[in-house]
Protein backbone atom coordinates (compact mmCIF):
# COMPACT_ATOMS: atom_id res chain seq x y z
CA UNK A 1 -35.49 -33.10 -99.68
CA UNK A 2 -37.37 -35.07 -98.00
CA UNK A 3 -39.10 -34.90 -93.63
CA UNK A 4 -36.46 -37.17 -91.82
CA UNK A 5 -38.07 -40.04 -89.55
CA UNK A 6 -38.19 -38.78 -86.43
CA UNK A 7 -37.82 -41.27 -83.24
CA UNK A 8 -37.76 -39.40 -80.38
CA UNK A 9 -37.67 -35.81 -79.74
CA UNK A 10 -36.54 -33.02 -76.45
CA UNK A 11 -36.84 -29.64 -76.39
CA UNK A 12 -36.17 -27.88 -78.38
CA UNK A 13 -35.00 -30.94 -80.86
CA UNK A 14 -36.22 -34.08 -83.24
CA UNK A 15 -33.86 -37.16 -83.70
CA UNK A 16 -34.21 -39.07 -86.97
CA UNK A 17 -33.08 -43.63 -86.55
CA UNK A 18 -29.26 -42.06 -87.30
CA UNK A 19 -29.69 -40.22 -83.76
CA UNK A 20 -29.25 -37.24 -85.92
CA UNK A 21 -30.79 -34.16 -83.59
CA UNK A 22 -32.70 -31.16 -85.91
CA UNK A 23 -33.55 -27.32 -84.20
CA UNK A 24 -37.92 -27.84 -84.90
CA UNK A 25 -39.73 -24.82 -86.67
CA UNK A 26 -42.91 -26.87 -86.82
CA UNK A 27 -43.34 -27.66 -83.13
CA UNK A 28 -46.39 -29.95 -84.00
CA UNK A 29 -47.67 -27.73 -86.68
CA UNK A 30 -47.92 -24.92 -83.20
CA UNK A 31 -49.15 -27.47 -80.83
CA UNK A 32 -45.30 -27.53 -78.92
CA UNK A 33 -45.05 -24.64 -77.08
CA UNK A 34 -42.84 -25.84 -74.20
CA UNK A 35 -40.69 -28.08 -76.35
CA UNK A 36 -40.82 -31.82 -76.66
CA UNK A 37 -41.38 -34.64 -74.21
CA UNK A 38 -42.02 -31.70 -71.17
CA UNK A 39 -41.30 -33.25 -68.04
CA UNK A 40 -44.17 -31.77 -66.24
CA UNK A 41 -46.81 -32.60 -69.19
CA UNK A 42 -45.46 -36.48 -69.22
CA UNK A 43 -45.81 -36.57 -65.78
CA UNK A 44 -49.44 -35.22 -65.72
CA UNK A 45 -50.43 -37.37 -68.45
CA UNK A 46 -48.88 -40.53 -67.05
CA UNK A 47 -50.82 -39.49 -63.62
CA UNK A 48 -54.51 -39.22 -65.49
CA UNK A 49 -54.36 -42.32 -67.41
CA UNK A 50 -52.70 -44.96 -64.33
CA UNK A 51 -56.60 -42.76 -63.10
CA UNK A 52 -58.40 -43.38 -65.99
CA UNK A 53 -58.63 -41.73 -69.73
CA UNK A 54 -61.91 -41.84 -70.63
CA UNK A 55 -65.36 -41.79 -69.09
CA UNK A 56 -67.87 -40.58 -71.70
CA UNK A 57 -67.90 -36.95 -70.68
CA UNK A 58 -68.92 -38.18 -66.77
CA UNK A 59 -68.77 -35.24 -64.02
CA UNK A 60 -64.79 -35.45 -62.69
CA UNK A 61 -62.49 -33.20 -61.04
CA UNK A 62 -59.75 -32.93 -62.95
CA UNK A 63 -62.48 -31.57 -66.32
CA UNK A 64 -63.84 -28.89 -62.47
CA UNK A 65 -60.19 -27.96 -62.48
CA UNK A 66 -59.28 -27.70 -66.21
CA UNK A 67 -63.59 -26.49 -66.38
CA UNK A 68 -61.87 -23.03 -63.87
CA UNK A 69 -58.93 -23.17 -64.47
CA UNK A 70 -59.60 -22.40 -68.39
CA UNK A 71 -61.94 -19.94 -66.96
CA UNK A 72 -59.91 -17.13 -65.38
CA UNK A 73 -58.37 -16.05 -68.77
CA UNK A 74 -61.68 -14.88 -69.72
CA UNK A 75 -63.31 -11.49 -69.47
CA UNK A 76 -66.14 -12.05 -67.25
CA UNK A 77 -68.55 -12.24 -69.39
CA UNK A 78 -67.42 -15.54 -71.14
CA UNK A 79 -67.04 -18.97 -70.34
CA UNK A 80 -65.40 -21.86 -71.64
CA UNK A 81 -68.03 -23.81 -73.49
CA UNK A 82 -66.14 -28.05 -74.61
CA UNK A 83 -62.90 -28.99 -75.43
CA UNK A 84 -62.39 -30.89 -78.11
CA UNK A 85 -59.42 -33.08 -79.94
CA UNK A 86 -59.28 -30.70 -82.93
CA UNK A 87 -59.34 -27.17 -84.23
CA UNK A 88 -61.22 -28.05 -86.82
CA UNK A 89 -63.49 -29.64 -84.22
CA UNK A 90 -63.63 -26.42 -82.32
CA UNK A 91 -64.78 -24.39 -85.65
CA UNK A 92 -67.35 -26.57 -86.24
CA UNK A 93 -69.32 -26.20 -83.42
CA UNK A 94 -68.73 -23.08 -83.78
CA UNK A 95 -70.88 -22.72 -86.56
CA UNK A 96 -73.18 -25.22 -84.90
CA UNK A 97 -73.59 -22.72 -82.04
CA UNK A 98 -73.96 -19.97 -84.14
CA UNK A 99 -76.84 -21.41 -86.17
CA UNK A 100 -78.98 -22.51 -83.20
CA UNK A 101 -78.67 -18.85 -82.08
CA UNK A 102 -79.62 -16.79 -84.95
CA UNK A 103 -82.01 -19.03 -86.75
CA UNK A 104 -79.37 -19.15 -90.13
CA UNK A 105 -77.22 -21.18 -91.75
CA UNK A 106 -75.31 -19.47 -93.70
CA UNK A 107 -72.03 -17.98 -92.79
CA UNK A 108 -69.05 -14.94 -93.93
CA UNK A 109 -65.49 -16.17 -93.61
CA UNK A 110 -62.41 -14.41 -95.01
CA UNK A 111 -60.02 -16.18 -98.13
CA UNK A 112 -57.02 -18.68 -97.40
CA UNK A 113 -57.40 -18.69 -93.36
CA UNK A 114 -57.65 -21.87 -92.06
CA UNK A 115 -60.46 -23.17 -90.19
CA UNK A 116 -59.79 -26.58 -90.40
CA UNK A 117 -60.62 -29.91 -93.82
CA UNK A 118 -63.99 -30.87 -92.61
CA UNK A 119 -67.03 -30.17 -95.48
CA UNK A 120 -68.11 -26.92 -93.72
CA UNK A 121 -64.78 -26.10 -92.36
CA UNK A 122 -62.61 -25.97 -95.73
CA UNK A 123 -65.78 -24.08 -97.31
CA UNK A 124 -65.14 -21.21 -94.91
CA UNK A 125 -61.47 -21.85 -96.00
CA UNK A 126 -60.62 -21.71 -100.04
CA UNK A 127 -62.41 -21.02 -102.75
CA UNK A 128 -61.77 -24.31 -103.84
CA UNK A 129 -62.64 -26.32 -101.10
CA UNK A 130 -63.57 -29.53 -102.96
CA UNK A 131 -67.53 -30.16 -100.86
CA UNK A 132 -69.38 -26.57 -100.66
CA UNK A 133 -71.16 -26.18 -98.55
CA UNK A 134 -74.47 -24.02 -98.34
CA UNK A 135 -73.77 -20.45 -99.94
CA UNK A 136 -71.05 -19.40 -97.50
CA UNK A 137 -69.31 -15.93 -98.29
CA UNK A 138 -65.62 -15.04 -98.06
CA UNK A 139 -64.77 -12.10 -99.07
CA UNK A 140 -60.83 -11.33 -99.97
CA UNK A 141 -59.39 -10.66 -96.82
CA UNK A 142 -57.63 -7.57 -95.54
CA UNK A 143 -54.63 -7.53 -96.98
CA UNK A 144 -55.99 -9.22 -100.22
CA UNK A 145 -57.84 -6.00 -101.07
CA UNK A 146 -58.08 -2.12 -99.39
CA UNK A 147 -59.82 -2.06 -96.14
CA UNK A 148 -61.97 -0.70 -95.84
CA UNK A 149 -63.35 -2.03 -98.89
CA UNK A 150 -63.70 -5.37 -97.58
CA UNK A 151 -65.05 -3.40 -94.09
CA UNK A 152 -67.69 -2.08 -97.04
CA UNK A 153 -68.18 -5.84 -98.30
CA UNK A 154 -68.18 -7.61 -95.17
CA UNK A 155 -71.04 -4.39 -93.85
CA UNK A 156 -73.18 -5.02 -96.96
CA UNK A 157 -73.34 -8.88 -96.30
CA UNK A 158 -74.57 -8.30 -92.65
CA UNK A 159 -77.54 -5.76 -93.39
CA UNK A 160 -78.66 -8.52 -95.67
CA UNK A 161 -79.87 -9.78 -92.19
CA UNK A 162 -79.07 -13.27 -93.96
CA UNK A 163 -75.91 -15.15 -92.24
CA UNK A 164 -75.31 -16.67 -88.96
CA UNK A 165 -72.05 -15.82 -87.93
CA UNK A 166 -68.52 -14.20 -89.74
CA UNK A 167 -65.10 -15.54 -88.98
CA UNK A 168 -62.18 -14.74 -88.87
CA UNK A 169 -58.36 -16.06 -88.39
CA UNK A 170 -56.30 -12.71 -87.06
CA UNK A 171 -52.98 -13.82 -88.31
CA UNK A 172 -53.51 -15.95 -91.62
CA UNK A 173 -50.64 -18.33 -90.21
CA UNK A 174 -51.20 -20.85 -92.73
CA UNK A 175 -51.01 -18.67 -95.93
CA UNK A 176 -48.73 -16.11 -95.95
CA UNK A 177 -48.28 -14.27 -92.26
CA UNK A 178 -50.90 -11.73 -93.04
CA UNK A 179 -52.60 -9.51 -89.69
CA UNK A 180 -55.49 -8.82 -90.04
CA UNK A 181 -55.07 -4.92 -88.60
CA UNK A 182 -56.47 -3.73 -84.45
CA UNK A 183 -59.07 -1.27 -86.82
CA UNK A 184 -59.70 -4.55 -88.94
CA UNK A 185 -60.63 -6.84 -86.32
CA UNK A 186 -62.37 -4.63 -84.06
CA UNK A 187 -64.76 -2.58 -87.06
CA UNK A 188 -65.59 -6.48 -87.22
CA UNK A 189 -66.68 -7.13 -84.04
CA UNK A 190 -68.79 -3.70 -83.98
CA UNK A 191 -70.45 -4.31 -86.78
CA UNK A 192 -71.20 -7.67 -86.08
CA UNK A 193 -72.43 -7.20 -83.05
CA UNK A 194 -75.42 -3.70 -84.65
CA UNK A 195 -76.59 -6.72 -86.99
CA UNK A 196 -77.46 -9.49 -84.51
CA UNK A 197 -74.39 -11.61 -86.41
CA UNK A 198 -72.40 -14.26 -84.24
CA UNK A 199 -68.77 -12.36 -84.36
CA UNK A 200 -65.93 -15.93 -84.07
CA UNK A 201 -62.47 -15.02 -83.94
CA UNK A 202 -60.09 -18.30 -84.77
CA UNK A 203 -57.49 -17.84 -82.29
CA UNK A 204 -56.38 -22.34 -82.41
CA UNK A 205 -53.01 -21.19 -83.53
CA UNK A 206 -52.42 -17.67 -82.63
CA UNK A 207 -53.92 -17.64 -79.00
CA UNK A 208 -52.19 -18.23 -75.55
CA UNK A 209 -49.25 -15.85 -76.49
CA UNK A 210 -47.87 -17.42 -80.01
CA UNK A 211 -48.08 -14.37 -80.78
CA UNK A 212 -47.15 -11.94 -78.00
CA UNK A 213 -50.97 -11.24 -75.89
CA UNK A 214 -52.72 -13.81 -74.59
CA UNK A 215 -55.23 -13.38 -77.41
CA UNK A 216 -55.46 -11.56 -80.52
CA UNK A 217 -58.86 -11.12 -79.06
CA UNK A 218 -57.32 -9.40 -76.35
CA UNK A 219 -55.73 -6.46 -77.69
CA UNK A 220 -60.08 -6.06 -78.48
CA UNK A 221 -62.05 -3.47 -76.75
CA UNK A 222 -65.38 -5.42 -77.19
CA UNK A 223 -64.19 -9.40 -77.46
CA UNK A 224 -66.37 -11.71 -80.07
CA UNK A 225 -68.68 -13.37 -79.03
CA UNK A 226 -66.81 -16.83 -80.18
CA UNK A 227 -63.46 -17.57 -79.11
CA UNK A 228 -60.98 -20.56 -80.30
CA UNK A 229 -57.96 -21.78 -79.52
CA UNK A 230 -55.18 -23.15 -79.52
CA UNK A 231 -52.85 -25.96 -80.81
CA UNK A 232 -50.11 -25.18 -78.13
CA UNK A 233 -52.18 -25.44 -74.63
CA UNK A 234 -52.27 -29.85 -74.35
CA UNK A 235 -48.17 -28.65 -75.79
CA UNK A 236 -48.31 -31.45 -78.20
CA UNK A 237 -51.37 -33.30 -76.38
CA UNK A 238 -54.82 -33.16 -79.35
CA UNK A 239 -57.14 -30.19 -77.17
CA UNK A 240 -58.34 -27.10 -78.48
CA UNK A 241 -61.74 -24.61 -76.48
CA UNK A 242 -64.32 -23.21 -77.86
CA UNK A 243 -65.28 -20.56 -74.65
CA UNK A 244 -68.30 -17.61 -75.69
CA UNK A 245 -71.44 -15.42 -74.12
CA UNK A 246 -73.71 -17.56 -75.80
CA UNK A 247 -76.87 -18.46 -73.10
CA UNK A 248 -75.98 -22.63 -71.57
CA UNK A 249 -79.22 -22.93 -73.13
CA UNK A 250 -78.56 -23.00 -76.67
CA UNK A 251 -75.37 -25.85 -76.18
CA UNK A 252 -77.47 -28.54 -76.08
CA UNK A 253 -79.89 -27.90 -79.77
CA UNK A 254 -76.05 -27.47 -81.23
CA UNK A 255 -75.39 -30.84 -80.25
CA UNK A 256 -71.79 -30.26 -78.16
CA UNK A 257 -69.98 -32.91 -76.72
CA UNK A 258 -68.32 -35.63 -79.51
CA UNK A 259 -66.56 -38.76 -77.92
CA UNK A 260 -63.17 -37.57 -76.69
CA UNK A 261 -64.54 -33.91 -76.44
CA UNK A 262 -63.60 -32.86 -72.14
CA UNK A 263 -60.91 -35.61 -71.96
CA UNK A 264 -59.71 -36.98 -68.73
CA UNK A 265 -55.98 -37.31 -69.88
CA UNK A 266 -56.47 -33.54 -72.46
CA UNK A 267 -57.64 -32.09 -68.95
CA UNK A 268 -54.76 -32.90 -67.40
CA UNK A 269 -52.54 -32.04 -70.14
CA UNK A 270 -54.06 -28.47 -69.77
CA UNK A 271 -53.49 -27.78 -66.23
CA UNK A 272 -49.89 -28.68 -66.41
CA UNK A 273 -49.06 -26.68 -70.01
CA UNK A 274 -51.46 -23.93 -68.16
CA UNK A 275 -49.07 -23.75 -64.84
CA UNK A 276 -45.79 -24.28 -66.74
CA UNK A 277 -46.25 -21.25 -69.43
CA UNK A 278 -47.61 -19.03 -66.31
CA UNK A 279 -44.59 -19.96 -64.48
CA UNK A 280 -42.11 -19.65 -67.16
CA UNK A 281 -43.63 -17.29 -69.96
CA UNK A 282 -41.10 -14.13 -71.03
CA UNK A 283 -42.71 -11.70 -72.53
CA UNK A 284 -39.48 -9.86 -73.24
CA UNK A 285 -37.75 -12.73 -75.00
CA UNK A 286 -40.91 -13.31 -76.90
CA UNK A 287 -40.20 -9.25 -77.34
CA UNK A 288 -36.62 -10.47 -78.99
CA UNK A 289 -37.50 -12.54 -81.09
CA UNK A 290 -40.25 -10.78 -82.56
CA UNK A 291 -38.13 -8.39 -83.08
CA UNK A 292 -35.24 -10.01 -85.08
CA UNK A 293 -38.29 -11.57 -87.09
CA UNK A 294 -38.63 -7.68 -87.80
CA UNK A 295 -34.79 -7.34 -88.23
CA UNK A 296 -34.62 -8.84 -91.79
CA UNK A 297 -38.27 -8.11 -92.87
CA UNK A 298 -37.07 -5.32 -95.36
CA UNK A 299 -33.58 -7.37 -95.80
CA UNK A 300 -35.24 -10.14 -97.40
CA UNK A 301 -37.89 -7.64 -99.40
CA UNK A 302 -34.93 -6.74 -101.68
CA UNK A 303 -35.17 -10.72 -103.02
CA UNK A 304 -38.78 -10.52 -103.84
CA UNK A 305 -39.31 -11.85 -100.44
CA UNK A 306 -42.72 -10.28 -97.43
CA UNK A 307 -42.41 -11.84 -94.07
CA UNK A 308 -44.98 -11.57 -91.75
CA UNK A 309 -46.40 -12.00 -88.17
CA UNK A 310 -46.07 -11.71 -85.06
CA UNK A 311 -44.80 -12.86 -81.55
CA UNK A 312 -43.78 -16.40 -82.41
CA UNK A 313 -45.52 -16.99 -85.43
CA UNK A 314 -43.55 -15.71 -89.00
CA UNK A 315 -44.20 -17.12 -92.47
CA UNK A 316 -41.93 -16.26 -94.61
CA UNK A 317 -43.68 -15.82 -98.23
CA UNK A 318 -41.06 -16.63 -100.85
CA UNK A 319 -41.47 -14.73 -104.98
CA UNK A 320 -41.42 -18.37 -106.09
CA UNK A 321 -42.42 -22.68 -104.80
CA UNK A 322 -38.64 -22.72 -106.56
CA UNK A 323 -36.66 -20.27 -103.93
CA UNK A 324 -39.32 -21.71 -100.96
CA UNK A 325 -38.16 -25.30 -102.04
CA UNK A 326 -34.70 -24.40 -102.48
CA UNK A 327 -34.92 -22.83 -98.42
CA UNK A 328 -35.96 -25.63 -97.37
CA UNK A 329 -34.01 -27.96 -98.54
CA UNK A 330 -31.12 -25.41 -97.35
CA UNK A 331 -32.31 -25.28 -93.61
CA UNK A 332 -32.62 -29.36 -93.35
CA UNK A 333 -29.11 -29.93 -94.60
CA UNK A 334 -28.40 -27.73 -92.21
CA UNK A 335 -30.70 -29.57 -89.57
CA UNK A 336 -33.68 -26.70 -88.53
CA UNK A 337 -36.91 -28.39 -89.48
CA UNK A 338 -40.54 -25.33 -90.84
CA UNK A 339 -43.85 -26.09 -92.73
CA UNK A 340 -43.37 -25.63 -96.32
CA UNK A 341 -46.38 -24.73 -98.57
CA UNK A 342 -46.35 -24.10 -101.57
CA UNK A 343 -44.60 -20.65 -101.43
CA UNK A 344 -44.22 -19.91 -97.94
CA UNK A 345 -42.40 -21.22 -95.65
CA UNK A 346 -43.63 -20.87 -91.86
CA UNK A 347 -41.61 -21.07 -87.90
CA UNK A 348 -42.54 -21.42 -85.10
CA UNK A 349 -40.79 -21.47 -82.33
CA UNK A 350 -41.31 -22.55 -79.52
CA UNK A 351 -42.24 -20.26 -75.62
CA UNK A 352 -38.23 -19.80 -74.47
CA UNK A 353 -36.53 -20.08 -78.22
CA UNK A 354 -32.82 -17.44 -78.18
CA UNK A 355 -33.51 -14.86 -80.77
CA UNK A 356 -30.33 -15.63 -81.64
CA UNK A 357 -31.53 -18.53 -83.20
CA UNK A 358 -33.73 -17.40 -84.98
CA UNK A 359 -31.39 -14.78 -86.39
CA UNK A 360 -28.90 -17.84 -87.08
CA UNK A 361 -31.52 -19.18 -89.40
CA UNK A 362 -32.92 -15.92 -91.24
CA UNK A 363 -28.97 -14.90 -92.33
CA UNK A 364 -28.43 -18.55 -93.49
CA UNK A 365 -31.92 -17.97 -95.51
CA UNK A 366 -30.66 -15.06 -96.61
CA UNK A 367 -27.44 -16.04 -97.79
CA UNK A 368 -29.30 -17.97 -100.10
CA UNK A 369 -31.48 -15.16 -101.36
CA UNK A 370 -28.24 -13.43 -102.22
CA UNK A 371 -26.41 -17.07 -104.50
CA UNK A 372 -30.37 -17.57 -105.18
């Protein structure tokens, strides 16, 4: 079954040409955290568009306020460097910045994570990237191999002195939902610091309360050197951020900025989104949704499926692509929309999603698993 053609959206719902309502668990691949057409964000964007939409990165009051607001989210050691349009763009800039600081051009990353689809970022994501970039090294993700073995492999790479930086997507959100443990994340940052290699956490998808805490990096005793976040920060308006502890003298050498970086419309959307999240977020509700997913994990295991994730980001890794296709078709036929890639089905509920809705969706799939 194919996706419907969407004509409008509101809140949790997308509508097709026949005005059939679909409960949206794609959420613009995680960008629409507050819900579609959120009034506060729409009004802020509309007002900014009436003033100016692009001024070529000239100084502006809206940019200043946006940077000030985002910097309040960060530890004192870090500051916002640039607002880009996509996570891919931000990952590209992080790599350039690490290369400038270190004088090196090789990077370490982990298999089947997602840092973007450019030549450089795809080479940090998949062994079968269509174009190889430099001599980057992809290590097994720490759930695909014994964690201690992966840390030893990482230490061996770092000791060579050949690398500028190490990228980690802490939750493999565009694959199987696997999570790098807190211990692994702590050790990665510590090892990078020990060897003078830039640690880069890609929280394009996980940042800004998507997994519960502000960032998964917030759970660490020591912040990574560079933090990339977050799809949800503009509530559907293209925006991504790079924050770092790297001195500003290096940034222009790293070719900071592009046509739409620090864009006034994006800044307006970010300010409205952050204010709305601050006013409306209910950690207990996010926890209830998470516990609903957790409660179904063992029930799916008996049918060869793995349900993995955290907070409001979960992936059902099915036993086969045929089973995933069957689940996908079932959900659409019951007016639920999810992301599907290969054997995986991803759920990206919005900030105010009710646990009862998630229970209904998972119960429906569990019924199909029994008959399939």
